Amino acid sequence: MTKTVTISDDLALRLEQRRKENGGESLDDVAEAVIVLGLVYDEAEFDENAGYADEELRTMIAEGDASGPAEPWSAAELTAEVRRRQAARQGRGG
């Protein structure tokens, strides 16, 4: 289902800046990624560890450190990763 949402000029400008910075294909892609992130955050109970055990966080931090500098993600890649992580969290009851 496709819907149209009206946003303020200021918000549209912020999304357009994010699109340019991250190489998003369209403003719609960036807006969808931001909305998905907001919904995932809103649906989760507030947990300073984001639902992860301390040891899981330590492991993820170590993996991140070992992998080197981050590379930019497109809006589509970010959306896919958020959805993958949310599905994984829901799969383990989080």
N, C-alpha and C. Protein backbone atom coordinates (compact mmCIF):
# COMPACT_ATOMS: atom_id res chain seq x y z
N MET A 1 0.85 -1.17 0.00
CA MET A 1 0.00 0.00 0.00
C MET A 1 0.90 1.24 0.00
N THR A 2 0.57 2.19 -0.82
CA THR A 2 1.33 3.44 -0.90
C THR A 2 0.46 4.58 -0.40
N LYS A 3 1.03 5.40 0.44
CA LYS A 3 0.33 6.58 0.97
C LYS A 3 1.22 7.80 0.78
N THR A 4 0.61 8.96 0.71
CA THR A 4 1.34 10.21 0.62
C THR A 4 1.28 10.89 1.98
N VAL A 5 2.42 11.39 2.43
CA VAL A 5 2.51 12.08 3.71
C VAL A 5 3.07 13.47 3.44
N THR A 6 2.46 14.48 4.03
CA THR A 6 2.93 15.84 3.88
C THR A 6 3.83 16.17 5.07
N ILE A 7 5.04 16.68 4.78
CA ILE A 7 5.97 17.06 5.83
C ILE A 7 6.34 18.52 5.66
N SER A 8 6.88 19.11 6.72
CA SER A 8 7.27 20.52 6.67
C SER A 8 8.47 20.71 5.74
N ASP A 9 8.65 21.93 5.29
CA ASP A 9 9.79 22.25 4.43
C ASP A 9 11.10 22.00 5.16
N ASP A 10 11.15 22.32 6.46
CA ASP A 10 12.38 22.09 7.24
C ASP A 10 12.73 20.61 7.30
N LEU A 11 11.73 19.77 7.53
CA LEU A 11 11.98 18.34 7.59
C LEU A 11 12.38 17.80 6.21
N ALA A 12 11.73 18.29 5.18
CA ALA A 12 12.09 17.86 3.82
C ALA A 12 13.53 18.25 3.50
N LEU A 13 13.96 19.42 3.94
CA LEU A 13 15.33 19.87 3.73
C LEU A 13 16.31 18.95 4.46
N ARG A 14 16.00 18.58 5.71
CA ARG A 14 16.87 17.68 6.47
C ARG A 14 16.97 16.31 5.79
N LEU A 15 15.85 15.80 5.30
CA LEU A 15 15.87 14.52 4.60
C LEU A 15 16.67 14.61 3.30
N GLU A 16 16.52 15.71 2.60
CA GLU A 16 17.26 15.89 1.35
C GLU A 16 18.77 15.97 1.63
N GLN A 17 19.14 16.65 2.71
CA GLN A 17 20.56 16.71 3.07
C GLN A 17 21.08 15.31 3.41
N ARG A 18 20.30 14.53 4.14
CA ARG A 18 20.70 13.16 4.47
C ARG A 18 20.82 12.32 3.21
N ARG A 19 19.90 12.51 2.26
CA ARG A 19 19.95 11.76 1.00
C ARG A 19 21.25 12.06 0.27
N LYS A 20 21.61 13.34 0.19
CA LYS A 20 22.84 13.73 -0.50
C LYS A 20 24.07 13.18 0.20
N GLU A 21 24.09 13.26 1.53
CA GLU A 21 25.24 12.79 2.31
C GLU A 21 25.43 11.28 2.18
N ASN A 22 24.32 10.54 2.12
CA ASN A 22 24.39 9.08 2.13
C ASN A 22 24.19 8.45 0.76
N GLY A 23 24.01 9.27 -0.26
CA GLY A 23 23.85 8.74 -1.61
C GLY A 23 22.54 8.03 -1.84
N GLY A 24 21.50 8.43 -1.13
CA GLY A 24 20.19 7.81 -1.33
C GLY A 24 19.67 8.09 -2.72
N GLU A 25 18.91 7.14 -3.25
CA GLU A 25 18.39 7.30 -4.60
C GLU A 25 17.25 8.30 -4.66
N SER A 26 16.43 8.32 -3.61
CA SER A 26 15.30 9.25 -3.62
C SER A 26 14.98 9.71 -2.21
N LEU A 27 14.27 10.80 -2.13
CA LEU A 27 13.82 11.32 -0.84
C LEU A 27 12.89 10.31 -0.18
N ASP A 28 12.09 9.62 -0.97
CA ASP A 28 11.19 8.59 -0.42
C ASP A 28 11.96 7.48 0.28
N ASP A 29 13.09 7.05 -0.32
CA ASP A 29 13.91 5.99 0.30
C ASP A 29 14.45 6.44 1.65
N VAL A 30 14.95 7.67 1.70
CA VAL A 30 15.50 8.18 2.95
C VAL A 30 14.40 8.33 4.00
N ALA A 31 13.26 8.88 3.60
CA ALA A 31 12.15 9.05 4.53
C ALA A 31 11.69 7.71 5.07
N GLU A 32 11.61 6.70 4.22
CA GLU A 32 11.20 5.37 4.67
C GLU A 32 12.19 4.80 5.68
N ALA A 33 13.49 4.96 5.42
CA ALA A 33 14.51 4.45 6.34
C ALA A 33 14.40 5.12 7.70
N VAL A 34 14.20 6.43 7.71
CA VAL A 34 14.08 7.16 8.97
C VAL A 34 12.82 6.74 9.72
N ILE A 35 11.73 6.57 9.01
CA ILE A 35 10.48 6.15 9.65
C ILE A 35 10.62 4.75 10.23
N VAL A 36 11.23 3.84 9.46
CA VAL A 36 11.43 2.47 9.94
C VAL A 36 12.26 2.48 11.23
N LEU A 37 13.35 3.25 11.24
CA LEU A 37 14.17 3.34 12.44
C LEU A 37 13.37 3.86 13.62
N GLY A 38 12.57 4.89 13.37
CA GLY A 38 11.74 5.44 14.44
C GLY A 38 10.72 4.45 14.97
N LEU A 39 10.10 3.70 14.09
CA LEU A 39 9.10 2.72 14.51
C LEU A 39 9.74 1.58 15.29
N VAL A 40 10.90 1.13 14.84
CA VAL A 40 11.60 0.06 15.55
C VAL A 40 11.95 0.52 16.95
N TYR A 41 12.47 1.74 17.06
CA TYR A 41 12.83 2.28 18.37
C TYR A 41 11.59 2.45 19.24
N ASP A 42 10.52 2.93 18.65
CA ASP A 42 9.29 3.18 19.39
C ASP A 42 8.65 1.89 19.87
N GLU A 43 8.74 0.82 19.08
CA GLU A 43 8.11 -0.44 19.43
C GLU A 43 8.87 -1.19 20.52
N ALA A 44 10.15 -0.94 20.64
CA ALA A 44 10.96 -1.64 21.63
C ALA A 44 10.81 -0.95 22.99
N GLU A 45 10.79 -1.74 24.03
CA GLU A 45 10.85 -1.14 25.36
C GLU A 45 12.20 -0.47 25.47
N PHE A 46 12.24 0.63 26.21
CA PHE A 46 13.53 1.29 26.33
C PHE A 46 14.47 0.40 27.12
N ASP A 47 15.58 0.13 26.54
CA ASP A 47 16.60 -0.72 27.13
C ASP A 47 17.92 -0.13 26.68
N GLU A 48 18.72 0.33 27.62
CA GLU A 48 19.96 0.99 27.23
C GLU A 48 20.88 0.06 26.45
N ASN A 49 20.66 -1.23 26.51
CA ASN A 49 21.46 -2.19 25.73
C ASN A 49 20.73 -2.61 24.46
N ALA A 50 19.62 -1.97 24.16
CA ALA A 50 18.85 -2.25 22.93
C ALA A 50 18.45 -3.72 22.82
N GLY A 51 18.20 -4.37 23.94
CA GLY A 51 17.74 -5.74 23.91
C GLY A 51 18.85 -6.78 23.87
N TYR A 52 20.08 -6.33 23.87
CA TYR A 52 21.21 -7.26 23.81
C TYR A 52 21.79 -7.47 25.21
N ALA A 53 22.27 -8.68 25.46
CA ALA A 53 22.98 -8.96 26.70
C ALA A 53 24.34 -8.27 26.64
N ASP A 54 24.91 -8.00 27.80
CA ASP A 54 26.21 -7.33 27.85
C ASP A 54 27.26 -8.05 27.01
N GLU A 55 27.29 -9.36 27.10
CA GLU A 55 28.30 -10.11 26.35
C GLU A 55 28.08 -10.00 24.84
N GLU A 56 26.80 -9.96 24.41
CA GLU A 56 26.52 -9.77 22.98
C GLU A 56 27.04 -8.41 22.52
N LEU A 57 26.84 -7.38 23.34
CA LEU A 57 27.34 -6.05 22.98
C LEU A 57 28.86 -6.03 22.91
N ARG A 58 29.51 -6.67 23.87
CA ARG A 58 30.98 -6.72 23.84
C ARG A 58 31.47 -7.41 22.57
N THR A 59 30.80 -8.49 22.19
CA THR A 59 31.18 -9.22 20.97
C THR A 59 30.99 -8.34 19.74
N MET A 60 29.85 -7.65 19.66
CA MET A 60 29.58 -6.80 18.51
C MET A 60 30.59 -5.65 18.44
N ILE A 61 30.95 -5.08 19.58
CA ILE A 61 31.94 -4.00 19.60
C ILE A 61 33.29 -4.51 19.12
N ALA A 62 33.69 -5.67 19.60
CA ALA A 62 34.96 -6.26 19.17
C ALA A 62 34.96 -6.54 17.67
N GLU A 63 33.85 -7.07 17.15
CA GLU A 63 33.74 -7.32 15.71
C GLU A 63 33.84 -6.02 14.92
N GLY A 64 33.18 -4.98 15.43
CA GLY A 64 33.24 -3.68 14.76
C GLY A 64 34.64 -3.11 14.74
N ASP A 65 35.33 -3.21 15.89
CA ASP A 65 36.70 -2.72 15.95
C ASP A 65 37.60 -3.48 14.98
N ALA A 66 37.40 -4.78 14.90
CA ALA A 66 38.23 -5.63 14.04
C ALA A 66 37.95 -5.41 12.55
N SER A 67 36.76 -4.95 12.23
CA SER A 67 36.38 -4.83 10.81
C SER A 67 36.92 -3.57 10.15
N GLY A 68 37.45 -2.64 10.93
CA GLY A 68 38.01 -1.43 10.34
C GLY A 68 36.97 -0.33 10.19
N PRO A 69 37.33 0.71 9.45
CA PRO A 69 36.44 1.87 9.31
C PRO A 69 35.12 1.50 8.63
N ALA A 70 34.08 2.19 9.03
CA ALA A 70 32.75 1.97 8.46
C ALA A 70 32.69 2.51 7.03
N GLU A 71 31.85 1.89 6.22
CA GLU A 71 31.59 2.38 4.87
C GLU A 71 30.16 2.91 4.83
N PRO A 72 29.91 3.96 4.06
CA PRO A 72 28.56 4.52 3.98
C PRO A 72 27.56 3.48 3.44
N TRP A 73 26.34 3.53 3.96
CA TRP A 73 25.25 2.66 3.49
C TRP A 73 24.24 3.51 2.75
N SER A 74 23.61 2.90 1.76
CA SER A 74 22.50 3.58 1.09
C SER A 74 21.27 3.47 1.98
N ALA A 75 20.25 4.24 1.68
CA ALA A 75 19.01 4.16 2.46
C ALA A 75 18.42 2.76 2.38
N ALA A 76 18.51 2.12 1.23
CA ALA A 76 17.96 0.77 1.07
C ALA A 76 18.74 -0.23 1.93
N GLU A 77 20.06 -0.11 1.98
CA GLU A 77 20.87 -1.00 2.81
C GLU A 77 20.56 -0.80 4.28
N LEU A 78 20.41 0.45 4.70
CA LEU A 78 20.09 0.75 6.09
C LEU A 78 18.73 0.17 6.46
N THR A 79 17.74 0.36 5.62
CA THR A 79 16.40 -0.17 5.87
C THR A 79 16.44 -1.69 5.98
N ALA A 80 17.15 -2.35 5.08
CA ALA A 80 17.24 -3.82 5.11
C ALA A 80 17.91 -4.29 6.40
N GLU A 81 18.96 -3.61 6.83
CA GLU A 81 19.66 -4.01 8.05
C GLU A 81 18.79 -3.81 9.29
N VAL A 82 18.06 -2.70 9.34
CA VAL A 82 17.15 -2.46 10.47
C VAL A 82 16.10 -3.55 10.53
N ARG A 83 15.53 -3.89 9.40
CA ARG A 83 14.51 -4.94 9.36
C ARG A 83 15.09 -6.30 9.74
N ARG A 84 16.32 -6.60 9.29
CA ARG A 84 16.96 -7.86 9.64
C ARG A 84 17.18 -7.95 11.15
N ARG A 85 17.68 -6.87 11.74
CA ARG A 85 17.94 -6.88 13.18
C ARG A 85 16.65 -6.97 13.99
N GLN A 86 15.62 -6.28 13.54
CA GLN A 86 14.33 -6.33 14.24
C GLN A 86 13.76 -7.75 14.17
N ALA A 87 13.85 -8.39 13.01
CA ALA A 87 13.37 -9.77 12.87
C ALA A 87 14.16 -10.71 13.78
N ALA A 88 15.47 -10.50 13.86
CA ALA A 88 16.30 -11.34 14.73
C ALA A 88 15.91 -11.15 16.18
N ARG A 89 15.67 -9.90 16.58
CA ARG A 89 15.28 -9.61 17.96
C ARG A 89 13.93 -10.22 18.28
N GLN A 90 12.99 -10.11 17.36
CA GLN A 90 11.67 -10.69 17.58
C GLN A 90 11.73 -12.21 17.63
N GLY A 91 12.65 -12.78 16.87
CA GLY A 91 12.82 -14.23 16.86
C GLY A 91 13.32 -14.79 18.16
N ARG A 92 14.03 -13.94 18.93
CA ARG A 92 14.52 -14.43 20.22
C ARG A 92 13.71 -13.85 21.38
N GLY A 93 12.52 -13.32 21.05
CA GLY A 93 11.61 -12.85 22.09
C GLY A 93 11.91 -11.47 22.63
N GLY A 94 12.73 -10.70 21.89
CA GLY A 94 13.12 -9.37 22.38
C GLY A 94 12.31 -8.26 21.84
